[in-house]
Amino acid sequence: MSEQTVDVGRGITLAYEQFGPEDGVPLVLVAGLAMQLHSWPDEFCDLLVARGYRVIRFDNRDVGRSTHPDFPAPRPMAMLRRRWHRRQYELADMATDTVGLLDALGISSAHVVGISMGGMIAQTVAARYPDRARSLTSIMSTTGARKVGRPALSTWRLMAGRPARSAADFAEREVRIFRHIGSAAYPFDEKYVRDSAALAWERDPANAAGVTRQLAAIIKSGDRTRELRKVTAPTLVIHGDRDRMVHPTGGASTAAAIPGAHLETLRGLGHDLPRGVWPTVVDLIDEHVRHTAARSSDAA
């Protein structure tokens, strides 16, 4: 495993890492809003490699060591009024970045797994590039419909705080947020959150503008329910019943929108990926992929 960067087209360069053998089954992990590639922990990736996967994780545009566009981030009032800079991108552009990464790595198709905003990107890959997604796993995500998957008011208040100005400030902010949105059924690992925050700050300090542009991409993309009805890839939807960032209705609406999708609700899971749930999530992904492969073999 070593971090590399690659041109995925349209002026975008993505930082990425790979785990496992090149001849393993390709599986792409798409990170959430403001999250960098290491938000998919090394040990989590290792569990997937042990099942025979070639795992790819990467920084989406505007975070980490991937390309940060130079246009200004929208102000809150502009987002409320949906007034966008002419260069403001959408989730579809981030999905094209993901496909561009597959192209650069010589991967014709892969199993695509996304979490939170990454789930939205993964959904869009499956909808717009059906031949590139062998299967779709959407975790803690939603459709963009206005009345589902909304954050709790208490979560909005935490997110609306002043941006961090130092590594220490950023770590404290991350601890506050993840204590709030974290999983009720699993111990809170403050050390892991602080270590992850320190690495994120080191790789991409004070990136409030990039995170705001990513949030604008979600809002600008709007309700994608109709588009999700076009998804043909076998789909697994995973959601926790204690999610304060993306209400569980987001997972239910995603499963309802995608033909044949299966919804798996995990009790006590919030909007994080605690160590205790890794075996369960890896099992679910692996079973879904193997079932997909068996169906493809039967069809052939």
Foldseek 3Di string as FASTA:
>chain_A
DDWDWDDLDPPKIKIKDKDADPPFAEEEEFEAQQDFQCLCPPVLVVVLNVVRYTYMTIGFDLFFPIHNDDDFFDDPVCLVVVPDDPPQAALLVSLSSVVSVCVVSVHQAHAYEYEASGLVSQLNNLLPPVRRHQAYEYELYAQQEDPFFAADPVLVVLVPDDFDDDLVSQLVSQLVNCVVQFFQVDDDDSVVSSVSSNVRCVRPNPSPRSSSSHVSNSSSVHGRLQSSCRRPHAYEYEYECRENHTHCRRSVSSQVSHPNYHYDYDYRGGRGDDPVCSVVVSVVVSVSSVVSVVVVVVVD
